[in-house]
Amino acid sequence: MSKKKRIGIVISVKSQKTINVQTQIKYQHPKYLKTLIKTKNYMAHNTDVNCQCGDIVLIEECPPKSKRKAWELKKILKKYNN
């Protein structure tokens, strides 16, 4: 079975070797047919410490690194420009 992948925005880099990534999922309500946006935050393992808030990244599922961290950073898709 392939590993799950998510694209999201880095919202926090305060922890050492850990980033918080926020992802958005668009879906349609089954009854009212309105398009809704659901956001979810993931903690991801970051071996390279070159991420900053606002970067768009690709994260991939991995075996648990800690109690809440079961994702790892694969690559930075777009850097944030100040």
PDB file of N, CA and C in Angstrom:
ATOM      1  N   MET A   1       0.845  -1.179   0.000  1.00  0.00           N
ATOM      2  CA  MET A   1       0.000   0.000   0.000  1.00  0.00           C
ATOM      3  C   MET A   1       0.891   1.244   0.000  1.00  0.00           C
ATOM      4  N   SER A   2       0.531   2.208  -0.816  1.00  0.00           N
ATOM      5  CA  SER A   2       1.335   3.423  -0.916  1.00  0.00           C
ATOM      6  C   SER A   2       1.101   4.331   0.292  1.00  0.00           C
ATOM      7  N   LYS A   3       2.091   5.164   0.554  1.00  0.00           N
ATOM      8  CA  LYS A   3       2.005   6.082   1.687  1.00  0.00           C
ATOM      9  C   LYS A   3       1.165   7.292   1.303  1.00  0.00           C
ATOM     10  N   LYS A   4       0.435   7.822   2.289  1.00  0.00           N
ATOM     11  CA  LYS A   4      -0.372   9.017   2.050  1.00  0.00           C
ATOM     12  C   LYS A   4       0.536  10.229   1.932  1.00  0.00           C
ATOM     13  N   LYS A   5       0.151  11.156   1.066  1.00  0.00           N
ATOM     14  CA  LYS A   5       0.904  12.397   0.877  1.00  0.00           C
ATOM     15  C   LYS A   5      -0.053  13.568   0.993  1.00  0.00           C
ATOM     16  N   ARG A   6       0.438  14.659   1.544  1.00  0.00           N
ATOM     17  CA  ARG A   6      -0.360  15.869   1.694  1.00  0.00           C
ATOM     18  C   ARG A   6       0.487  17.078   1.307  1.00  0.00           C
ATOM     19  N   ILE A   7      -0.172  18.081   0.739  1.00  0.00           N
ATOM     20  CA  ILE A   7       0.474  19.356   0.439  1.00  0.00           C
ATOM     21  C   ILE A   7      -0.127  20.389   1.380  1.00  0.00           C
ATOM     22  N   GLY A   8       0.725  21.164   2.031  1.00  0.00           N
ATOM     23  CA  GLY A   8       0.225  22.150   2.977  1.00  0.00           C
ATOM     24  C   GLY A   8       1.191  23.299   3.177  1.00  0.00           C
ATOM     25  N   ILE A   9       0.788  24.197   4.067  1.00  0.00           N
ATOM     26  CA  ILE A   9       1.560  25.396   4.373  1.00  0.00           C
ATOM     27  C   ILE A   9       2.144  25.250   5.776  1.00  0.00           C
ATOM     28  N   VAL A  10       3.419  25.582   5.918  1.00  0.00           N
ATOM     29  CA  VAL A  10       4.082  25.529   7.226  1.00  0.00           C
ATOM     30  C   VAL A  10       3.558  26.684   8.074  1.00  0.00           C
ATOM     31  N   ILE A  11       3.036  26.357   9.267  1.00  0.00           N
ATOM     32  CA  ILE A  11       2.494  27.397  10.140  1.00  0.00           C
ATOM     33  C   ILE A  11       3.353  27.624  11.383  1.00  0.00           C
ATOM     34  N   SER A  12       4.261  26.681  11.684  1.00  0.00           N
ATOM     35  CA  SER A  12       5.113  26.853  12.858  1.00  0.00           C
ATOM     36  C   SER A  12       6.403  26.054  12.686  1.00  0.00           C
ATOM     37  N   VAL A  13       7.515  26.668  13.065  1.00  0.00           N
ATOM     38  CA  VAL A  13       8.819  25.994  13.051  1.00  0.00           C
ATOM     39  C   VAL A  13       9.527  26.197  14.391  1.00  0.00           C
ATOM     40  N   LYS A  14       8.765  26.344  15.465  1.00  0.00           N
ATOM     41  CA  LYS A  14       9.334  26.664  16.770  1.00  0.00           C
ATOM     42  C   LYS A  14      10.068  25.483  17.399  1.00  0.00           C
ATOM     43  N   SER A  15       9.640  24.266  17.118  1.00  0.00           N
ATOM     44  CA  SER A  15      10.293  23.093  17.690  1.00  0.00           C
ATOM     45  C   SER A  15      11.496  22.693  16.847  1.00  0.00           C
ATOM     46  N   GLN A  16      12.465  22.078  17.496  1.00  0.00           N
ATOM     47  CA  GLN A  16      13.654  21.633  16.773  1.00  0.00           C
ATOM     48  C   GLN A  16      13.331  20.342  16.022  1.00  0.00           C
ATOM     49  N   LYS A  17      13.601  20.308  14.722  1.00  0.00           N
ATOM     50  CA  LYS A  17      13.365  19.169  13.828  1.00  0.00           C
ATOM     51  C   LYS A  17      11.889  18.797  13.707  1.00  0.00           C
ATOM     52  N   THR A  18      10.982  19.725  14.001  1.00  0.00           N
ATOM     53  CA  THR A  18       9.547  19.493  13.854  1.00  0.00           C
ATOM     54  C   THR A  18       8.909  20.731  13.250  1.00  0.00           C
ATOM     55  N   ILE A  19       8.007  20.502  12.286  1.00  0.00           N
ATOM     56  CA  ILE A  19       7.243  21.605  11.706  1.00  0.00           C
ATOM     57  C   ILE A  19       5.763  21.284  11.832  1.00  0.00           C
ATOM     58  N   ASN A  20       4.946  22.313  11.926  1.00  0.00           N
ATOM     59  CA  ASN A  20       3.499  22.154  11.895  1.00  0.00           C
ATOM     60  C   ASN A  20       3.017  22.580  10.522  1.00  0.00           C
ATOM     61  N   VAL A  21       2.238  21.709   9.881  1.00  0.00           N
ATOM     62  CA  VAL A  21       1.762  21.946   8.524  1.00  0.00           C
ATOM     63  C   VAL A  21       0.242  21.942   8.539  1.00  0.00           C
ATOM     64  N   GLN A  22      -0.358  22.949   7.898  1.00  0.00           N
ATOM     65  CA  GLN A  22      -1.816  23.039   7.792  1.00  0.00           C
ATOM     66  C   GLN A  22      -2.227  22.674   6.369  1.00  0.00           C
ATOM     67  N   THR A  23      -3.153  21.713   6.251  1.00  0.00           N
ATOM     68  CA  THR A  23      -3.650  21.293   4.942  1.00  0.00           C
ATOM     69  C   THR A  23      -5.119  21.662   4.825  1.00  0.00           C
ATOM     70  N   GLN A  24      -5.580  21.825   3.596  1.00  0.00           N
ATOM     71  CA  GLN A  24      -6.983  22.134   3.338  1.00  0.00           C
ATOM     72  C   GLN A  24      -7.568  21.079   2.414  1.00  0.00           C
ATOM     73  N   ILE A  25      -8.794  20.649   2.720  1.00  0.00           N
ATOM     74  CA  ILE A  25      -9.512  19.695   1.882  1.00  0.00           C
ATOM     75  C   ILE A  25     -10.843  20.324   1.511  1.00  0.00           C
ATOM     76  N   LYS A  26     -11.123  20.407   0.211  1.00  0.00           N
ATOM     77  CA  LYS A  26     -12.411  20.913  -0.256  1.00  0.00           C
ATOM     78  C   LYS A  26     -13.320  19.727  -0.533  1.00  0.00           C
ATOM     79  N   TYR A  27     -14.556  19.822  -0.052  1.00  0.00           N
ATOM     80  CA  TYR A  27     -15.526  18.774  -0.324  1.00  0.00           C
ATOM     81  C   TYR A  27     -16.907  19.388  -0.430  1.00  0.00           C
ATOM     82  N   GLN A  28     -17.830  18.629  -0.996  1.00  0.00           N
ATOM     83  CA  GLN A  28     -19.185  19.121  -1.199  1.00  0.00           C
ATOM     84  C   GLN A  28     -20.120  18.444  -0.203  1.00  0.00           C
ATOM     85  N   HIS A  29     -20.979  19.248   0.442  1.00  0.00           N
ATOM     86  CA  HIS A  29     -21.934  18.709   1.389  1.00  0.00           C
ATOM     87  C   HIS A  29     -22.897  17.790   0.638  1.00  0.00           C
ATOM     88  N   PRO A  30     -23.157  16.585   1.172  1.00  0.00           N
ATOM     89  CA  PRO A  30     -23.980  15.632   0.421  1.00  0.00           C
ATOM     90  C   PRO A  30     -25.432  16.072   0.196  1.00  0.00           C
ATOM     91  N   LYS A  31     -26.003  16.804   1.150  1.00  0.00           N
ATOM     92  CA  LYS A  31     -27.406  17.197   1.007  1.00  0.00           C
ATOM     93  C   LYS A  31     -27.555  18.575   0.373  1.00  0.00           C
ATOM     94  N   TYR A  32     -26.794  19.553   0.861  1.00  0.00           N
ATOM     95  CA  TYR A  32     -26.978  20.939   0.429  1.00  0.00           C
ATOM     96  C   TYR A  32     -26.083  21.340  -0.744  1.00  0.00           C
ATOM     97  N   LEU A  33     -25.139  20.485  -1.101  1.00  0.00           N
ATOM     98  CA  LEU A  33     -24.265  20.679  -2.259  1.00  0.00           C
ATOM     99  C   LEU A  33     -23.404  21.941  -2.178  1.00  0.00           C
ATOM    100  N   LYS A  34     -23.200  22.437  -0.980  1.00  0.00           N
ATOM    101  CA  LYS A  34     -22.330  23.594  -0.795  1.00  0.00           C
ATOM    102  C   LYS A  34     -20.881  23.108  -0.672  1.00  0.00           C
ATOM    103  N   THR A  35     -19.955  23.823  -1.281  1.00  0.00           N
ATOM    104  CA  THR A  35     -18.543  23.483  -1.180  1.00  0.00           C
ATOM    105  C   THR A  35     -17.999  24.001   0.149  1.00  0.00           C
ATOM    106  N   LEU A  36     -17.423  23.099   0.927  1.00  0.00           N
ATOM    107  CA  LEU A  36     -16.884  23.426   2.241  1.00  0.00           C
ATOM    108  C   LEU A  36     -15.382  23.186   2.250  1.00  0.00           C
ATOM    109  N   ILE A  37     -14.683  23.875   3.136  1.00  0.00           N
ATOM    110  CA  ILE A  37     -13.239  23.708   3.283  1.00  0.00           C
ATOM    111  C   ILE A  37     -12.964  23.225   4.703  1.00  0.00           C
ATOM    112  N   LYS A  38     -12.255  22.110   4.800  1.00  0.00           N
ATOM    113  CA  LYS A  38     -11.872  21.561   6.091  1.00  0.00           C
ATOM    114  C   LYS A  38     -10.356  21.678   6.215  1.00  0.00           C
ATOM    115  N   THR A  39      -9.881  22.221   7.333  1.00  0.00           N
ATOM    116  CA  THR A  39      -8.442  22.343   7.552  1.00  0.00           C
ATOM    117  C   THR A  39      -8.014  21.380   8.650  1.00  0.00           C
ATOM    118  N   LYS A  40      -6.789  20.892   8.534  1.00  0.00           N
ATOM    119  CA  LYS A  40      -6.236  19.994   9.542  1.00  0.00           C
ATOM    120  C   LYS A  40      -4.754  20.284   9.690  1.00  0.00           C
ATOM    121  N   ASN A  41      -4.264  20.218  10.920  1.00  0.00           N
ATOM    122  CA  ASN A  41      -2.852  20.468  11.200  1.00  0.00           C
ATOM    123  C   ASN A  41      -2.130  19.151  11.454  1.00  0.00           C
ATOM    124  N   TYR A  42      -0.935  19.018  10.896  1.00  0.00           N
ATOM    125  CA  TYR A  42      -0.099  17.841  11.081  1.00  0.00           C
ATOM    126  C   TYR A  42       1.249  18.280  11.627  1.00  0.00           C
ATOM    127  N   MET A  43       1.819  17.452  12.508  1.00  0.00           N
ATOM    128  CA  MET A  43       3.198  17.651  12.945  1.00  0.00           C
ATOM    129  C   MET A  43       4.058  16.742  12.085  1.00  0.00           C
ATOM    130  N   ALA A  44       5.109  17.299  11.490  1.00  0.00           N
ATOM    131  CA  ALA A  44       5.960  16.536  10.583  1.00  0.00           C
ATOM    132  C   ALA A  44       7.414  16.634  11.016  1.00  0.00           C
ATOM    133  N   HIS A  45       8.142  15.542  10.812  1.00  0.00           N
ATOM    134  CA  HIS A  45       9.566  15.492  11.141  1.00  0.00           C
ATOM    135  C   HIS A  45      10.356  16.198  10.047  1.00  0.00           C
ATOM    136  N   ASN A  46      11.261  17.078  10.450  1.00  0.00           N
ATOM    137  CA  ASN A  46      12.036  17.886   9.514  1.00  0.00           C
ATOM    138  C   ASN A  46      13.516  17.715   9.835  1.00  0.00           C
ATOM    139  N   THR A  47      14.212  16.882   9.049  1.00  0.00           N
ATOM    140  CA  THR A  47      15.642  16.694   9.302  1.00  0.00           C
ATOM    141  C   THR A  47      16.440  17.910   8.846  1.00  0.00           C
ATOM    142  N   ASP A  48      16.052  18.513   7.717  1.00  0.00           N
ATOM    143  CA  ASP A  48      16.691  19.751   7.265  1.00  0.00           C
ATOM    144  C   ASP A  48      16.026  20.899   8.013  1.00  0.00           C
ATOM    145  N   VAL A  49      16.808  21.785   8.561  1.00  0.00           N
ATOM    146  CA  VAL A  49      16.235  22.879   9.334  1.00  0.00           C
ATOM    147  C   VAL A  49      16.194  24.140   8.470  1.00  0.00           C
ATOM    148  N   ASN A  50      15.812  23.999   7.194  1.00  0.00           N
ATOM    149  CA  ASN A  50      15.793  25.141   6.289  1.00  0.00           C
ATOM    150  C   ASN A  50      14.375  25.573   5.934  1.00  0.00           C
ATOM    151  N   CYS A  51      13.372  25.115   6.668  1.00  0.00           N
ATOM    152  CA  CYS A  51      11.982  25.533   6.444  1.00  0.00           C
ATOM    153  C   CYS A  51      11.713  26.828   7.197  1.00  0.00           C
ATOM    154  N   GLN A  52      10.753  27.582   6.706  1.00  0.00           N
ATOM    155  CA  GLN A  52      10.286  28.757   7.429  1.00  0.00           C
ATOM    156  C   GLN A  52       8.772  28.844   7.276  1.00  0.00           C
ATOM    157  N   CYS A  53       8.138  29.636   8.111  1.00  0.00           N
ATOM    158  CA  CYS A  53       6.686  29.788   8.061  1.00  0.00           C
ATOM    159  C   CYS A  53       6.268  30.342   6.704  1.00  0.00           C
ATOM    160  N   GLY A  54       5.206  29.766   6.147  1.00  0.00           N
ATOM    161  CA  GLY A  54       4.693  30.222   4.865  1.00  0.00           C
ATOM    162  C   GLY A  54       5.132  29.371   3.689  1.00  0.00           C
ATOM    163  N   ASP A  55       6.112  28.482   3.876  1.00  0.00           N
ATOM    164  CA  ASP A  55       6.546  27.602   2.791  1.00  0.00           C
ATOM    165  C   ASP A  55       5.442  26.604   2.447  1.00  0.00           C
ATOM    166  N   ILE A  56       5.342  26.260   1.174  1.00  0.00           N
ATOM    167  CA  ILE A  56       4.423  25.209   0.736  1.00  0.00           C
ATOM    168  C   ILE A  56       5.249  23.936   0.615  1.00  0.00           C
ATOM    169  N   VAL A  57       4.825  22.881   1.337  1.00  0.00           N
ATOM    170  CA  VAL A  57       5.628  21.666   1.434  1.00  0.00           C
ATOM    171  C   VAL A  57       4.804  20.422   1.115  1.00  0.00           C
ATOM    172  N   LEU A  58       5.522  19.343   0.811  1.00  0.00           N
ATOM    173  CA  LEU A  58       4.933  18.026   0.608  1.00  0.00           C
ATOM    174  C   LEU A  58       5.350  17.164   1.785  1.00  0.00           C
ATOM    175  N   ILE A  59       4.372  16.587   2.498  1.00  0.00           N
ATOM    176  CA  ILE A  59       4.674  15.693   3.611  1.00  0.00           C
ATOM    177  C   ILE A  59       4.157  14.302   3.269  1.00  0.00           C
ATOM    178  N   GLU A  60       4.806  13.285   3.857  1.00  0.00           N
ATOM    179  CA  GLU A  60       4.458  11.899   3.571  1.00  0.00           C
ATOM    180  C   GLU A  60       4.343  11.136   4.882  1.00  0.00           C
ATOM    181  N   GLU A  61       3.417  10.192   4.908  1.00  0.00           N
ATOM    182  CA  GLU A  61       3.207   9.367   6.087  1.00  0.00           C
ATOM    183  C   GLU A  61       4.434   8.490   6.339  1.00  0.00           C
ATOM    184  N   CYS A  62       4.747   8.259   7.616  1.00  0.00           N
ATOM    185  CA  CYS A  62       5.889   7.424   7.985  1.00  0.00           C
ATOM    186  C   CYS A  62       5.563   6.723   9.304  1.00  0.00           C
ATOM    187  N   PRO A  63       6.388   5.773   9.725  1.00  0.00           N
ATOM    188  CA  PRO A  63       6.182   5.181  11.048  1.00  0.00           C
ATOM    189  C   PRO A  63       6.293   6.262  12.122  1.00  0.00           C
ATOM    190  N   PRO A  64       5.545   6.139  13.214  1.00  0.00           N
ATOM    191  CA  PRO A  64       5.522   7.198  14.232  1.00  0.00           C
ATOM    192  C   PRO A  64       6.909   7.523  14.784  1.00  0.00           C
ATOM    193  N   LYS A  65       7.216   8.816  14.796  1.00  0.00           N
ATOM    194  CA  LYS A  65       8.474   9.303  15.373  1.00  0.00           C
ATOM    195  C   LYS A  65       8.279   9.647  16.846  1.00  0.00           C
ATOM    196  N   SER A  66       7.048  10.027  17.219  1.00  0.00           N
ATOM    197  CA  SER A  66       6.698  10.327  18.605  1.00  0.00           C
ATOM    198  C   SER A  66       5.186  10.129  18.742  1.00  0.00           C
ATOM    199  N   LYS A  67       4.629  10.576  19.856  1.00  0.00           N
ATOM    200  CA  LYS A  67       3.205  10.356  20.119  1.00  0.00           C
ATOM    201  C   LYS A  67       2.309  11.020  19.080  1.00  0.00           C
ATOM    202  N   ARG A  68       2.649  12.232  18.646  1.00  0.00           N
ATOM    203  CA  ARG A  68       1.796  12.990  17.723  1.00  0.00           C
ATOM    204  C   ARG A  68       2.409  13.190  16.342  1.00  0.00           C
ATOM    205  N   LYS A  69       3.597  12.667  16.116  1.00  0.00           N
ATOM    206  CA  LYS A  69       4.315  12.951  14.867  1.00  0.00           C
ATOM    207  C   LYS A  69       4.483  11.670  14.049  1.00  0.00           C
ATOM    208  N   ALA A  70       3.680  11.527  12.974  1.00  0.00           N
ATOM    209  CA  ALA A  70       3.751  10.351  12.103  1.00  0.00           C
ATOM    210  C   ALA A  70       3.854  10.758  10.638  1.00  0.00           C
ATOM    211  N   TRP A  71       4.368  11.950  10.377  1.00  0.00           N
ATOM    212  CA  TRP A  71       4.571  12.454   9.020  1.00  0.00           C
ATOM    213  C   TRP A  71       5.981  12.996   8.929  1.00  0.00           C
ATOM    214  N   GLU A  72       6.545  13.000   7.709  1.00  0.00           N
ATOM    215  CA  GLU A  72       7.868  13.576   7.519  1.00  0.00           C
ATOM    216  C   GLU A  72       7.881  14.450   6.275  1.00  0.00           C
ATOM    217  N   LEU A  73       8.725  15.455   6.316  1.00  0.00           N
ATOM    218  CA  LEU A  73       8.866  16.386   5.199  1.00  0.00           C
ATOM    219  C   LEU A  73       9.587  15.697   4.053  1.00  0.00           C
ATOM    220  N   LYS A  74       8.981  15.727   2.867  1.00  0.00           N
ATOM    221  CA  LYS A  74       9.623  15.154   1.682  1.00  0.00           C
ATOM    222  C   LYS A  74      10.371  16.226   0.904  1.00  0.00           C
ATOM    223  N   LYS A  75       9.683  17.324   0.569  1.00  0.00           N
ATOM    224  CA  LYS A  75      10.369  18.411  -0.127  1.00  0.00           C
ATOM    225  C   LYS A  75       9.601  19.713   0.018  1.00  0.00           C
ATOM    226  N   ILE A  76      10.316  20.791  -0.197  1.00  0.00           N
ATOM    227  CA  ILE A  76       9.723  22.125  -0.175  1.00  0.00           C
ATOM    228  C   ILE A  76       9.344  22.462  -1.608  1.00  0.00           C
ATOM    229  N   LEU A  77       8.055  22.671  -1.844  1.00  0.00           N
ATOM    230  CA  LEU A  77       7.580  22.950  -3.196  1.00  0.00           C
ATOM    231  C   LEU A  77       7.780  24.409  -3.576  1.00  0.00           C
ATOM    232  N   LYS A  78       7.536  25.315  -2.615  1.00  0.00           N
ATOM    233  CA  LYS A  78       7.672  26.744  -2.898  1.00  0.00           C
ATOM    234  C   LYS A  78       8.105  27.455  -1.626  1.00  0.00           C
ATOM    235  N   LYS A  79       9.153  28.261  -1.735  1.00  0.00           N
ATOM    236  CA  LYS A  79       9.638  29.027  -0.593  1.00  0.00           C
ATOM    237  C   LYS A  79       8.797  30.287  -0.421  1.00  0.00           C
ATOM    238  N   TYR A  80       8.646  30.724   0.828  1.00  0.00           N
ATOM    239  CA  TYR A  80       7.914  31.944   1.142  1.00  0.00           C
ATOM    240  C   TYR A  80       8.842  33.135   0.976  1.00  0.00           C
ATOM    241  N   ASN A  81       8.388  34.150   0.255  1.00  0.00           N
ATOM    242  CA  ASN A  81       9.180  35.366   0.055  1.00  0.00           C
ATOM    243  C   ASN A  81       8.655  36.473   0.950  1.00  0.00           C
ATOM    244  N   ASN A  82       9.527  37.046   1.769  1.00  0.00           N
ATOM    245  CA  ASN A  82       9.120  38.147   2.653  1.00  0.00           C
ATOM    246  C   ASN A  82       8.971  39.424   1.879  1.00  0.00           C
TER     247      ASN A  82
END
